[in-house]
Structure formats: C-alpha cells, structure tokens
C-alpha atoms as a PDB file:
ATOM      1  CA  MET A   1      30.996   5.756 -14.505  1.00  0.00           C
ATOM      2  CA  ARG A   2      27.756   4.808 -12.696  1.00  0.00           C
ATOM      3  CA  ARG A   3      25.851   1.901 -14.144  1.00  0.00           C
ATOM      4  CA  GLU A   4      22.186   1.109 -13.516  1.00  0.00           C
ATOM      5  CA  ALA A   5      20.748  -2.365 -13.348  1.00  0.00           C
ATOM      6  CA  VAL A   6      17.007  -2.876 -13.876  1.00  0.00           C
ATOM      7  CA  GLU A   7      14.525  -5.684 -13.492  1.00  0.00           C
ATOM      8  CA  SER A   8      10.774  -5.544 -14.055  1.00  0.00           C
ATOM      9  CA  PHE A   9       8.577  -8.647 -13.165  1.00  0.00           C
ATOM     10  CA  GLU A  10       5.154  -9.805 -12.217  1.00  0.00           C
ATOM     11  CA  CYS A  11       4.460  -9.867  -8.542  1.00  0.00           C
ATOM     12  CA  PHE A  12       1.677  -9.111  -5.993  1.00  0.00           C
ATOM     13  CA  GLY A  13      -0.949  -9.261  -8.712  1.00  0.00           C
ATOM     14  CA  GLY A  14       0.752  -6.439 -10.630  1.00  0.00           C
ATOM     15  CA  ARG A  15       4.127  -5.326 -11.863  1.00  0.00           C
ATOM     16  CA  CYS A  16       7.192  -4.579  -9.702  1.00  0.00           C
ATOM     17  CA  ALA A  17      10.517  -3.080 -10.734  1.00  0.00           C
ATOM     18  CA  VAL A  18      13.875  -2.572  -9.021  1.00  0.00           C
ATOM     19  CA  ARG A  19      16.688  -0.134 -10.282  1.00  0.00           C
ATOM     20  CA  VAL A  20      20.017   0.101  -8.712  1.00  0.00           C
ATOM     21  CA  GLY A  21      22.744   2.451  -9.819  1.00  0.00           C
ATOM     22  CA  ASP A  22      26.410   2.216  -8.800  1.00  0.00           C
ATOM     23  CA  ARG A  23      29.901   2.442 -10.042  1.00  0.00           C
ATOM     24  CA  ASP A  24      30.140  -1.253  -9.355  1.00  0.00           C
ATOM     25  CA  GLY A  25      27.880  -2.585 -12.099  1.00  0.00           C
ATOM     26  CA  GLU A  26      28.230  -6.193 -11.009  1.00  0.00           C
ATOM     27  CA  ALA A  27      27.227  -5.480  -7.427  1.00  0.00           C
ATOM     28  CA  ALA A  28      24.233  -3.341  -8.721  1.00  0.00           C
ATOM     29  CA  ALA A  29      23.099  -6.279 -10.937  1.00  0.00           C
ATOM     30  CA  ALA A  30      23.526  -8.752  -8.082  1.00  0.00           C
ATOM     31  CA  ALA A  31      21.463  -6.531  -5.697  1.00  0.00           C
ATOM     32  CA  VAL A  32      18.644  -6.141  -8.203  1.00  0.00           C
ATOM     33  CA  GLY A  33      18.585  -9.952  -8.579  1.00  0.00           C
ATOM     34  CA  ASP A  34      18.511 -10.353  -4.809  1.00  0.00           C
ATOM     35  CA  ALA A  35      15.694  -7.756  -4.422  1.00  0.00           C
ATOM     36  CA  ARG A  36      13.582  -9.579  -7.114  1.00  0.00           C
ATOM     37  CA  GLN A  37      14.018 -12.843  -5.282  1.00  0.00           C
ATOM     38  CA  ALA A  38      13.064 -11.228  -1.983  1.00  0.00           C
ATOM     39  CA  LEU A  39       9.887  -9.845  -3.426  1.00  0.00           C
ATOM     40  CA  LEU A  40       8.833 -13.141  -4.981  1.00  0.00           C
ATOM     41  CA  GLU A  41       9.464 -14.970  -1.671  1.00  0.00           C
ATOM     42  CA  ALA A  42       7.507 -12.264   0.182  1.00  0.00           C
ATOM     43  CA  HIS A  43       4.609 -12.668  -2.234  1.00  0.00           C
ATOM     44  CA  ARG A  44       4.543 -16.419  -1.406  1.00  0.00           C
ATOM     45  CA  THR A  45       4.661 -15.595   2.336  1.00  0.00           C
ATOM     46  CA  LEU A  46       2.036 -12.949   2.490  1.00  0.00           C
ATOM     47  CA  SER A  47      -0.443 -13.806  -0.315  1.00  0.00           C
ATOM     48  CA  ARG A  48      -4.053 -13.885   0.938  1.00  0.00           C
ATOM     49  CA  PHE A  49      -4.959 -15.923  -2.171  1.00  0.00           C
ATOM     50  CA  ASP A  50      -2.565 -18.735  -1.633  1.00  0.00           C
ATOM     51  CA  PRO A  51      -4.071 -21.205   0.938  1.00  0.00           C
ATOM     52  CA  GLU A  52      -0.515 -22.517   1.707  1.00  0.00           C
ATOM     53  CA  SER A  53       1.032 -19.102   2.361  1.00  0.00           C
ATOM     54  CA  GLU A  54       2.159 -18.359   5.857  1.00  0.00           C
ATOM     55  CA  LEU A  55      -0.362 -15.559   6.101  1.00  0.00           C
ATOM     56  CA  SER A  56      -3.216 -17.831   5.066  1.00  0.00           C
ATOM     57  CA  ARG A  57      -2.118 -20.425   7.686  1.00  0.00           C
ATOM     58  CA  LEU A  58      -2.077 -17.768  10.267  1.00  0.00           C
ATOM     59  CA  ASN A  59      -5.542 -16.594   9.227  1.00  0.00           C
ATOM     60  CA  ARG A  60      -6.787 -20.157   9.792  1.00  0.00           C
ATOM     61  CA  ASP A  61      -4.995 -20.755  13.037  1.00  0.00           C
ATOM     62  CA  PRO A  62      -7.492 -20.998  15.942  1.00  0.00           C
ATOM     63  CA  ARG A  63      -4.897 -20.221  18.501  1.00  0.00           C
ATOM     64  CA  PRO A  64      -4.826 -16.549  19.919  1.00  0.00           C
ATOM     65  CA  GLU A  65      -1.110 -16.568  19.739  1.00  0.00           C
ATOM     66  CA  ALA A  66       0.844 -18.245  16.913  1.00  0.00           C
ATOM     67  CA  PRO A  67       4.483 -18.426  15.777  1.00  0.00           C
ATOM     68  CA  ALA A  68       5.390 -16.187  12.837  1.00  0.00           C
ATOM     69  CA  SER A  69       8.331 -15.431  10.736  1.00  0.00           C
ATOM     70  CA  PRO A  70      10.125 -12.068  10.991  1.00  0.00           C
ATOM     71  CA  LEU A  71       8.461 -10.827   7.704  1.00  0.00           C
ATOM     72  CA  LEU A  72       4.992 -11.837   8.891  1.00  0.00           C
ATOM     73  CA  ARG A  73       5.710 -10.187  12.300  1.00  0.00           C
ATOM     74  CA  ARG A  74       6.694  -6.898  10.471  1.00  0.00           C
ATOM     75  CA  LEU A  75       3.497  -7.005   8.366  1.00  0.00           C
ATOM     76  CA  VAL A  76       1.318  -7.468  11.414  1.00  0.00           C
ATOM     77  CA  ALA A  77       3.019  -4.640  13.129  1.00  0.00           C
ATOM     78  CA  ALA A  78       2.688  -2.492  10.058  1.00  0.00           C
ATOM     79  CA  ALA A  79      -1.016  -3.247   9.911  1.00  0.00           C
ATOM     80  CA  ARG A  80      -1.399  -2.033  13.564  1.00  0.00           C
ATOM     81  CA  ALA A  81       0.776   1.034  12.833  1.00  0.00           C
ATOM     82  CA  ALA A  82      -1.268   2.076   9.807  1.00  0.00           C
ATOM     83  CA  GLY A  83      -4.476   1.660  11.769  1.00  0.00           C
ATOM     84  CA  GLN A  84      -3.097   4.013  14.556  1.00  0.00           C
ATOM     85  CA  ARG A  85      -1.692   6.591  12.192  1.00  0.00           C
ATOM     86  CA  SER A  86      -4.931   6.756  10.086  1.00  0.00           C
ATOM     87  CA  GLY A  87      -7.294   6.938  13.037  1.00  0.00           C
ATOM     88  CA  GLY A  88      -8.664   3.527  12.045  1.00  0.00           C
ATOM     89  CA  LEU A  89      -9.373   4.339   8.363  1.00  0.00           C
ATOM     90  CA  VAL A  90      -6.744   2.028   7.152  1.00  0.00           C
ATOM     91  CA  ASP A  91      -7.982  -1.291   8.554  1.00  0.00           C
ATOM     92  CA  ALA A  92      -6.245  -4.542   7.514  1.00  0.00           C
ATOM     93  CA  THR A  93      -8.692  -6.824   9.277  1.00  0.00           C
ATOM     94  CA  LEU A  94     -11.661  -6.518   6.864  1.00  0.00           C
ATOM     95  CA  VAL A  95     -11.147  -9.809   5.146  1.00  0.00           C
ATOM     96  CA  GLY A  96     -14.655 -11.067   5.541  1.00  0.00           C
ATOM     97  CA  GLU A  97     -15.958  -7.775   4.250  1.00  0.00           C
ATOM     98  CA  ILE A  98     -13.785  -7.723   1.178  1.00  0.00           C
ATOM     99  CA  GLU A  99     -14.665 -11.305   0.395  1.00  0.00           C
ATOM    100  CA  ALA A 100     -18.338 -10.403   0.694  1.00  0.00           C
ATOM    101  CA  ALA A 101     -17.865  -7.524  -1.695  1.00  0.00           C
ATOM    102  CA  GLY A 102     -16.648  -9.927  -4.296  1.00  0.00           C
ATOM    103  CA  TYR A 103     -12.903 -10.035  -3.966  1.00  0.00           C
ATOM    104  CA  ALA A 104     -12.458 -13.516  -2.583  1.00  0.00           C
ATOM    105  CA  ASP A 105      -9.786 -14.779  -4.958  1.00  0.00           C
ATOM    106  CA  SER A 106      -6.991 -13.705  -7.251  1.00  0.00           C
ATOM    107  CA  ARG A 107      -8.428 -13.064 -10.684  1.00  0.00           C
ATOM    108  CA  GLU A 108      -8.658 -10.705 -13.576  1.00  0.00           C
ATOM    109  CA  PHE A 109     -11.061  -7.871 -12.880  1.00  0.00           C
ATOM    110  CA  ASP A 110     -14.059  -7.356 -15.304  1.00  0.00           C
ATOM    111  CA  PRO A 111     -15.070  -3.726 -14.725  1.00  0.00           C
ATOM    112  CA  ARG A 112     -18.121  -4.044 -16.999  1.00  0.00           C
ATOM    113  CA  GLY A 113     -21.042  -2.604 -14.947  1.00  0.00           C
ATOM    114  CA  ALA A 114     -18.772  -1.091 -12.472  1.00  0.00           C
ATOM    115  CA  ASP A 115     -19.322   2.274 -14.065  1.00  0.00           C
ATOM    116  CA  ARG A 116     -22.976   2.302 -12.962  1.00  0.00           C
ATOM    117  CA  GLU A 117     -24.170   5.069 -10.709  1.00  0.00           C
ATOM    118  CA  SER A 118     -22.207   5.010  -7.502  1.00  0.00           C
ATOM    119  CA  PRO A 119     -23.873   5.703  -4.109  1.00  0.00           C
ATOM    120  CA  PRO A 120     -23.845   9.259  -2.895  1.00  0.00           C
ATOM    121  CA  PRO A 121     -20.319  10.130  -1.667  1.00  0.00           C
ATOM    122  CA  HIS A 122     -19.643  10.456   2.048  1.00  0.00           C
ATOM    123  CA  PRO A 123     -16.438  10.243   4.138  1.00  0.00           C
ATOM    124  CA  ALA A 124     -15.415   6.836   5.500  1.00  0.00           C
ATOM    125  CA  ALA A 125     -15.492   6.083   9.246  1.00  0.00           C
ATOM    126  CA  PRO A 126     -13.490   3.606  11.493  1.00  0.00           C
ATOM    127  CA  SER A 127     -14.977   0.295  12.279  1.00  0.00           C
ATOM    128  CA  ARG A 128     -16.671   0.075  15.768  1.00  0.00           C
ATOM    129  CA  ARG A 129     -15.001  -3.263  16.430  1.00  0.00           C
ATOM    130  CA  ALA A 130     -11.613  -2.002  15.217  1.00  0.00           C
ATOM    131  CA  ALA A 131     -10.000  -5.475  15.267  1.00  0.00           C
ATOM    132  CA  TRP A 132      -6.663  -3.954  14.126  1.00  0.00           C
ATOM    133  CA  CYS A 133      -6.292  -2.619  17.654  1.00  0.00           C
ATOM    134  CA  LEU A 134      -6.111  -6.173  18.862  1.00  0.00           C
ATOM    135  CA  LEU A 135      -3.009  -7.145  16.782  1.00  0.00           C
ATOM    136  CA  ALA A 136       0.147  -7.637  18.680  1.00  0.00           C
ATOM    137  CA  VAL A 137       3.729  -8.764  17.911  1.00  0.00           C
ATOM    138  CA  ASP A 138       6.245 -10.450  20.407  1.00  0.00           C
ATOM    139  CA  ASP A 139       9.518 -10.482  18.657  1.00  0.00           C
ATOM    140  CA  ARG A 140      11.245 -12.216  21.582  1.00  0.00           C
ATOM    141  CA  ALA A 141       8.672 -15.070  21.486  1.00  0.00           C
ATOM    142  CA  ARG A 142       8.566 -14.835  17.645  1.00  0.00           C
ATOM    143  CA  THR A 143       4.758 -14.729  17.760  1.00  0.00           C
ATOM    144  CA  VAL A 144       1.773 -12.649  16.773  1.00  0.00           C
ATOM    145  CA  SER A 145      -1.429 -12.330  18.705  1.00  0.00           C
ATOM    146  CA  ARG A 146      -4.982 -11.539  17.690  1.00  0.00           C
ATOM    147  CA  PRO A 147      -8.328 -12.945  18.693  1.00  0.00           C
ATOM    148  CA  PRO A 148      -9.326 -16.232  16.895  1.00  0.00           C
ATOM    149  CA  GLY A 149     -11.279 -15.405  13.801  1.00  0.00           C
ATOM    150  CA  VAL A 150      -9.578 -12.065  13.127  1.00  0.00           C
ATOM    151  CA  ARG A 151      -7.898 -12.316   9.685  1.00  0.00           C
ATOM    152  CA  ILE A 152      -5.411 -10.002   8.009  1.00  0.00           C
ATOM    153  CA  ASP A 153      -5.515  -8.760   4.473  1.00  0.00           C
ATOM    154  CA  PRO A 154      -2.221  -7.031   3.799  1.00  0.00           C
ATOM    155  CA  GLY A 155      -3.306  -5.205   0.654  1.00  0.00           C
ATOM    156  CA  GLY A 156      -1.228  -2.090  -0.085  1.00  0.00           C
ATOM    157  CA  ILE A 157       0.384  -2.191   3.436  1.00  0.00           C
ATOM    158  CA  ALA A 158       2.438  -5.099   2.379  1.00  0.00           C
ATOM    159  CA  LYS A 159       3.708  -3.268  -0.820  1.00  0.00           C
ATOM    160  CA  GLY A 160       4.694  -0.149   1.100  1.00  0.00           C
ATOM    161  CA  LEU A 161       6.347  -2.196   3.800  1.00  0.00           C
ATOM    162  CA  LEU A 162       8.315  -4.395   1.264  1.00  0.00           C
ATOM    163  CA  ALA A 163       9.486  -1.132  -0.475  1.00  0.00           C
ATOM    164  CA  ASP A 164      10.967  -0.168   2.775  1.00  0.00           C
ATOM    165  CA  VAL A 165      12.460  -3.482   3.476  1.00  0.00           C
ATOM    166  CA  LEU A 166      14.263  -3.421   0.184  1.00  0.00           C
ATOM    167  CA  ALA A 167      15.416   0.184   0.738  1.00  0.00           C
ATOM    168  CA  GLU A 168      17.174  -0.911   3.897  1.00  0.00           C
ATOM    169  CA  SER A 169      19.342  -3.392   1.844  1.00  0.00           C
ATOM    170  CA  LEU A 170      19.974  -0.941  -1.097  1.00  0.00           C
ATOM    171  CA  ASP A 171      20.743   2.300   0.726  1.00  0.00           C
ATOM    172  CA  GLY A 172      24.523   1.789   0.416  1.00  0.00           C
ATOM    173  CA  PHE A 173      24.385   2.075  -3.367  1.00  0.00           C
ATOM    174  CA  ASP A 174      24.609   5.341  -5.325  1.00  0.00           C
ATOM    175  CA  SER A 175      20.991   5.276  -6.132  1.00  0.00           C
ATOM    176  CA  PHE A 176      17.969   2.899  -6.062  1.00  0.00           C
ATOM    177  CA  ALA A 177      14.311   2.898  -6.933  1.00  0.00           C
ATOM    178  CA  VAL A 178      11.819   0.202  -5.821  1.00  0.00           C
ATOM    179  CA  ASP A 179       8.399  -0.035  -7.408  1.00  0.00           C
ATOM    180  CA  CYS A 180       6.101  -2.424  -5.627  1.00  0.00           C
ATOM    181  CA  CYS A 181       2.944  -2.189  -7.911  1.00  0.00           C
ATOM    182  CA  GLY A 182       2.873   1.561  -7.632  1.00  0.00           C
ATOM    183  CA  ASP A 183       4.309   1.968  -4.062  1.00  0.00           C
ATOM    184  CA  LEU A 184       7.600   3.712  -4.893  1.00  0.00           C
ATOM    185  CA  ARG A 185      10.674   4.108  -2.625  1.00  0.00           C
ATOM    186  CA  VAL A 186      13.802   5.865  -3.878  1.00  0.00           C
ATOM    187  CA  GLY A 187      17.049   6.858  -2.295  1.00  0.00           C
ATOM    188  CA  GLY A 188      20.833   6.123  -2.260  1.00  0.00           C
ATOM    189  CA  ARG A 189      23.948   7.798  -1.062  1.00  0.00           C
ATOM    190  CA  GLY A 190      24.280   9.795  -4.264  1.00  0.00           C
ATOM    191  CA  GLY A 191      21.271  11.960  -3.583  1.00  0.00           C
ATOM    192  CA  ARG A 192      19.893  11.532  -7.099  1.00  0.00           C
ATOM    193  CA  SER A 193      16.555  13.219  -7.692  1.00  0.00           C
ATOM    194  CA  ARG A 194      13.911  11.232  -9.633  1.00  0.00           C
ATOM    195  CA  THR A 195      10.857  12.431 -11.487  1.00  0.00           C
ATOM    196  CA  ILE A 196       7.791  10.559 -10.539  1.00  0.00           C
ATOM    197  CA  LEU A 197       4.636  11.061 -12.673  1.00  0.00           C
ATOM    198  CA  VAL A 198       1.124  11.104 -11.077  1.00  0.00           C
ATOM    199  CA  GLU A 199      -1.154   9.218 -13.489  1.00  0.00           C
ATOM    200  CA  ASP A 200      -4.574  10.355 -14.528  1.00  0.00           C
ATOM    201  CA  PRO A 201      -7.130   7.744 -13.378  1.00  0.00           C
ATOM    202  CA  ALA A 202      -9.142   8.551 -16.591  1.00  0.00           C
ATOM    203  CA  GLY A 203      -6.211   7.605 -18.736  1.00  0.00           C
ATOM    204  CA  GLY A 204      -5.148  10.981 -19.898  1.00  0.00           C
ATOM    205  CA  GLU A 205      -1.867  12.776 -19.640  1.00  0.00           C
ATOM    206  CA  PRO A 206       0.047  12.696 -16.267  1.00  0.00           C
ATOM    207  CA  LEU A 207      -1.495  15.028 -13.775  1.00  0.00           C
ATOM    208  CA  HIS A 208       1.575  16.183 -12.034  1.00  0.00           C
ATOM    209  CA  GLU A 209       5.318  15.599 -11.572  1.00  0.00           C
ATOM    210  CA  LEU A 210       7.017  14.978  -8.308  1.00  0.00           C
ATOM    211  CA  ARG A 211      10.819  15.266  -7.742  1.00  0.00           C
ATOM    212  CA  ILE A 212      12.070  13.154  -4.987  1.00  0.00           C
ATOM    213  CA  ALA A 213      15.668  12.104  -3.989  1.00  0.00           C
ATOM    214  CA  ASP A 214      15.011  10.140  -0.854  1.00  0.00           C
ATOM    215  CA  GLY A 215      11.509   9.137   0.163  1.00  0.00           C
ATOM    216  CA  ALA A 216       8.390   7.334  -0.949  1.00  0.00           C
ATOM    217  CA  VAL A 217       5.270   7.894  -3.087  1.00  0.00           C
ATOM    218  CA  ALA A 218       2.110   5.856  -3.048  1.00  0.00           C
ATOM    219  CA  THR A 219      -1.257   6.134  -4.927  1.00  0.00           C
ATOM    220  CA  SER A 220      -4.617   4.794  -3.829  1.00  0.00           C
ATOM    221  CA  GLY A 221      -7.484   4.626  -6.208  1.00  0.00           C
ATOM    222  CA  ILE A 222     -10.862   2.983  -6.850  1.00  0.00           C
ATOM    223  CA  THR A 223     -10.792   2.484 -10.648  1.00  0.00           C
ATOM    224  CA  ARG A 224      -8.104  -0.173 -11.379  1.00  0.00           C
ATOM    225  CA  ARG A 225      -9.603  -2.986  -9.318  1.00  0.00           C
ATOM    226  CA  ALA A 226     -13.359  -2.519  -9.897  1.00  0.00           C
ATOM    227  CA  TRP A 227     -16.166  -4.792 -10.624  1.00  0.00           C
ATOM    228  CA  THR A 228     -19.840  -5.317 -10.157  1.00  0.00           C
ATOM    229  CA  GLY A 229     -20.659  -6.575  -6.649  1.00  0.00           C
ATOM    230  CA  PRO A 230     -22.848  -9.390  -5.720  1.00  0.00           C
ATOM    231  CA  ASP A 231     -25.682  -6.877  -5.245  1.00  0.00           C
ATOM    232  CA  GLY A 232     -25.235  -5.481  -8.768  1.00  0.00           C
ATOM    233  CA  ARG A 233     -23.728  -2.165  -7.524  1.00  0.00           C
ATOM    234  CA  PRO A 234     -20.180  -0.892  -8.382  1.00  0.00           C
ATOM    235  CA  ALA A 235     -17.543  -2.355  -6.165  1.00  0.00           C
ATOM    236  CA  HIS A 236     -13.693  -1.950  -5.631  1.00  0.00           C
ATOM    237  CA  GLN A 237     -11.048  -3.070  -3.149  1.00  0.00           C
ATOM    238  CA  ILE A 238     -10.982  -0.043  -0.831  1.00  0.00           C
ATOM    239  CA  LEU A 239     -13.478  -0.495   1.900  1.00  0.00           C
ATOM    240  CA  ASP A 240     -15.096   1.979   4.259  1.00  0.00           C
ATOM    241  CA  PRO A 241     -14.395   0.263   7.707  1.00  0.00           C
ATOM    242  CA  GLY A 242     -17.445   1.735   9.179  1.00  0.00           C
ATOM    243  CA  SER A 243     -19.844   0.092   6.721  1.00  0.00           C
ATOM    244  CA  GLY A 244     -17.667  -2.731   5.498  1.00  0.00           C
ATOM    245  CA  LEU A 245     -18.691  -1.812   1.962  1.00  0.00           C
ATOM    246  CA  PRO A 246     -16.666  -0.255  -0.933  1.00  0.00           C
ATOM    247  CA  ALA A 247     -15.969   3.321  -0.136  1.00  0.00           C
ATOM    248  CA  PHE A 248     -17.356   6.105  -2.242  1.00  0.00           C
ATOM    249  CA  THR A 249     -16.110   9.212  -0.615  1.00  0.00           C
ATOM    250  CA  GLY A 250     -15.901  11.714  -3.457  1.00  0.00           C
ATOM    251  CA  VAL A 251     -12.122  11.131  -3.897  1.00  0.00           C
ATOM    252  CA  GLY A 252     -11.310   8.664  -6.674  1.00  0.00           C
ATOM    253  CA  GLN A 253      -7.492   8.799  -6.298  1.00  0.00           C
ATOM    254  CA  ALA A 254      -4.992  10.098  -3.852  1.00  0.00           C
ATOM    255  CA  THR A 255      -1.174  10.215  -4.083  1.00  0.00           C
ATOM    256  CA  ALA A 256       0.884  10.852  -0.975  1.00  0.00           C
ATOM    257  CA  VAL A 257       4.602  11.596  -0.433  1.00  0.00           C
ATOM    258  CA  ALA A 258       6.266  10.521   2.739  1.00  0.00           C
ATOM    259  CA  PRO A 259       9.625   9.520   4.203  1.00  0.00           C
ATOM    260  CA  THR A 260       8.718   5.703   3.948  1.00  0.00           C
ATOM    261  CA  GLY A 261       6.700   3.382   1.801  1.00  0.00           C
ATOM    262  CA  LEU A 262       4.519   2.402   4.672  1.00  0.00           C
ATOM    263  CA  LEU A 263       3.730   5.889   5.664  1.00  0.00           C
ATOM    264  CA  ALA A 264       3.035   6.922   2.049  1.00  0.00           C
ATOM    265  CA  GLU A 265       0.615   3.990   1.580  1.00  0.00           C
ATOM    266  CA  THR A 266      -1.164   4.739   4.850  1.00  0.00           C
ATOM    267  CA  PHE A 267      -1.504   8.450   3.936  1.00  0.00           C
ATOM    268  CA  ALA A 268      -2.740   7.736   0.396  1.00  0.00           C
ATOM    269  CA  LYS A 269      -5.431   5.411   1.444  1.00  0.00           C
ATOM    270  CA  ALA A 270      -6.494   7.552   4.448  1.00  0.00           C
ATOM    271  CA  ALA A 271      -6.685  10.585   2.204  1.00  0.00           C
ATOM    272  CA  LEU A 272      -9.070   8.771  -0.187  1.00  0.00           C
ATOM    273  CA  LEU A 273     -11.250   7.467   2.607  1.00  0.00           C
ATOM    274  CA  ALA A 274     -11.375  10.870   4.384  1.00  0.00           C
ATOM    275  CA  GLY A 275     -13.195  12.454   1.356  1.00  0.00           C
ATOM    276  CA  PRO A 276     -12.543  15.846  -0.266  1.00  0.00           C
ATOM    277  CA  ASP A 277     -12.808  17.838   2.851  1.00  0.00           C
ATOM    278  CA  GLY A 278     -10.442  15.675   4.997  1.00  0.00           C
ATOM    279  CA  ALA A 279      -7.921  14.338   2.414  1.00  0.00           C
ATOM    280  CA  GLU A 280      -5.454  17.203   2.794  1.00  0.00           C
ATOM    281  CA  SER A 281      -4.974  16.494   6.492  1.00  0.00           C
ATOM    282  CA  TYR A 282      -3.454  13.127   5.517  1.00  0.00           C
ATOM    283  CA  LEU A 283      -0.973  14.707   3.083  1.00  0.00           C
ATOM    284  CA  PRO A 284       1.573  16.634   5.236  1.00  0.00           C
ATOM    285  CA  TYR A 285       4.402  15.909   2.930  1.00  0.00           C
ATOM    286  CA  GLY A 286       2.305  16.795  -0.210  1.00  0.00           C
ATOM    287  CA  GLY A 287       0.598  14.863  -2.826  1.00  0.00           C
ATOM    288  CA  VAL A 288      -2.275  15.002  -5.362  1.00  0.00           C
ATOM    289  CA  ILE A 289      -6.039  14.580  -4.867  1.00  0.00           C
ATOM    290  CA  VAL A 290      -8.288  13.584  -7.693  1.00  0.00           C
ATOM    291  CA  GLU A 291     -11.952  13.971  -6.927  1.00  0.00           C
ATOM    292  CA  THR A 292     -14.579  11.794  -8.626  1.00  0.00           C
ATOM    293  CA  ASP A 293     -15.959  14.743 -10.493  1.00  0.00           C
ATOM    294  CA  GLY A 294     -12.488  15.241 -12.115  1.00  0.00           C
ATOM    295  CA  ALA A 295     -11.218  18.066 -10.007  1.00  0.00           C
ATOM    296  CA  VAL A 296      -7.466  17.832  -9.330  1.00  0.00           C
ATOM    297  CA  ARG A 297      -5.714  19.397  -6.279  1.00  0.00           C
ATOM    298  CA  VAL A 298      -1.940  19.452  -5.834  1.00  0.00           C
ATOM    299  CA  VAL A 299      -1.140  19.603  -2.114  1.00  0.00           C
ATOM    300  CA  ASP A 300       2.116  21.298  -1.166  1.00  0.00           C
ATOM    301  CA  PRO A 301       4.092  20.035   1.833  1.00  0.00           C
ATOM    302  CA  LEU A 302       3.379  21.667   5.085  1.00  0.00           C
ATOM    303  CA  GLY A 303       6.396  23.784   6.040  1.00  0.00           C
ATOM    304  CA  SER A 304       5.982  23.110   9.751  1.00  0.00           C
ATOM    305  CA  VAL A 305       5.951  19.298   9.428  1.00  0.00           C
ATOM    306  CA  LEU A 306       8.719  17.586  11.412  1.00  0.00           C
ATOM    307  CA  PRO A 307      10.384  14.481  10.103  1.00  0.00           C
ATOM    308  CA  GLU A 308       8.075  11.536  10.792  1.00  0.00           C
ATOM    309  CA  VAL A 309       8.754   7.900  10.106  1.00  0.00           C
ATOM    310  CA  LEU A 310       6.209   5.095  10.247  1.00  0.00           C
ATOM    311  CA  THR A 311       8.037   1.764  10.367  1.00  0.00           C
ATOM    312  CA  ALA A 312       7.410  -1.729  11.337  1.00  0.00           C
END
C-alpha cells in the first residue's frame, strides 16, 4: 500500500509544501523532512532581504568575480537562462528598480490604495542595459561573474529552480509534489496524475483544472503583492524591464505549464509581461491567461512543440 507523507511550512515569504508517496512510508517521510530542510536552507542562502545571506554578500561584493556555492551558481545560471528564453522580459537584475518601487524589505503588504486607477496598459520591453546578459558562472573555478554594482533579485526564478532541485532528489519515489509558494513540480515513477487548480485572482471559484503527471506549473500575477508606491500610484513586484516600473500590460495573471519549474516560472512571467496579444506565444505547453478586464483564456498546448527543458 502506498503511503503519502506531507509537510507544509512557511518559507520564501509564503507557504511551501512537499508531498511524497511511496510503499516505503518511512523513506517517504524522511524525504519530506529532508526536502523541508533543503528549502529552509536555500531561503537562508538566497534571501535578498537577509543582509547576511550568501546572495546579499554577493550583491555587495565589489569584485567582478566572486566565489559562490553550488546553489548560488545554479541561481545565477538560472537568471541568465530565464533572460535568454524570455527575450529579456524576465530580468533578475532589477534590484535598484524594485527597491525604488517600494519593495526594499520583507514585510506584510498593505494593498490599500493599490486599487487606484492603473496606467494605460502596454506590453513590457527588455531593458536596454540588459545586465542579465553579463551574468556568468564558472563551475570549475566555483565562481560567478558580473560587473560590480549589478545585483540579483531571485524572485520567482529561485522558487521554480528549487522545485526542480527537489524533483531531482524525489524522482525515485512513486509520486511527489513540490509547491514552492505556487511554483509546482510533480512527478514520480508511478506516473500519478494530479489535478492542479488555477485560482481566480479576484477570489472567486477556480478558473480551470490542469491534469499533470510529470511536469511543472507556475502562476505570475500582479494582485497578491501590491501596494501604493512612493509616487502614490499602484505598484507591485513585477517590473517592466524597459521602464523599470511596475508593469501594467493588460494581463493580470498568467499560468504556464512546462517540463520544469524554472521554465514554467519563466513562461508565466514572460506571458504576463508580453500583454494580451503576446502572451500565448510564451505558453507552448498550455496555460491560462487572465486579462485585467476579467477575460479568461485557456491556452491549449501546441501540438508541434518538441520537448524543451530549461535547467540551471
């Protein structure tokens, strides 16, 4: 009889959960405990808000090349890969811009006033400076390189990456599901299909059901972490790299399906930033688009898409 071990806990400023099913219940429980510990340690390593985290120390380091742990090197490689795959829309080097928008520390969000009239919608654009292009990893030397002053904000990229990291260690069990604050990765040797609900950003009934046995789902949206910016205008954590300001593209939420968590996270954010006309081009494996006027589009997978994996 297959048994499932489950743990749910606070991490990365939200809630994470790990489920492992296997005939060996003790092994499943131990794997869940190990996964929880790995996520908590990763949070301590990659937090932008902890001045003593390895990421914060790297962001302060004036050297163009600095030593980095294997996890931090994977994160830097993931940030560059996400920038490449999204055409520069997913840019993890906008730390100064997100701080200027009012997201400089870890705190509870007060959305009062964030429902004021938003700017007219328009698609986002890549940054002209594109600092993500300058990120480099040398695994042999165990270092990362970037120009002094370029800082990294892992954001959702870290959550998608860590879902993949845990999947690597859990793939030998009958089934597993990893939820890194909404970035989901499922799989296992048993081929168990799971139902994943796409939430309504307005708080209504779920918008759609996805059935996945092996793969990932990520959702990017502008409503959960929203506040009034220093200029009195609505603000949120997803920036238009071209302007450095919170993006208002006409898409309020995008959910993407993909083979890996990193790819799903990249696709979801790129689809939101591309706006209603460009969003579907970033959902080759399917997904759901919610426009800010409330319109919902379910995107079916493209039949001609070949298997694609974005890893780091």
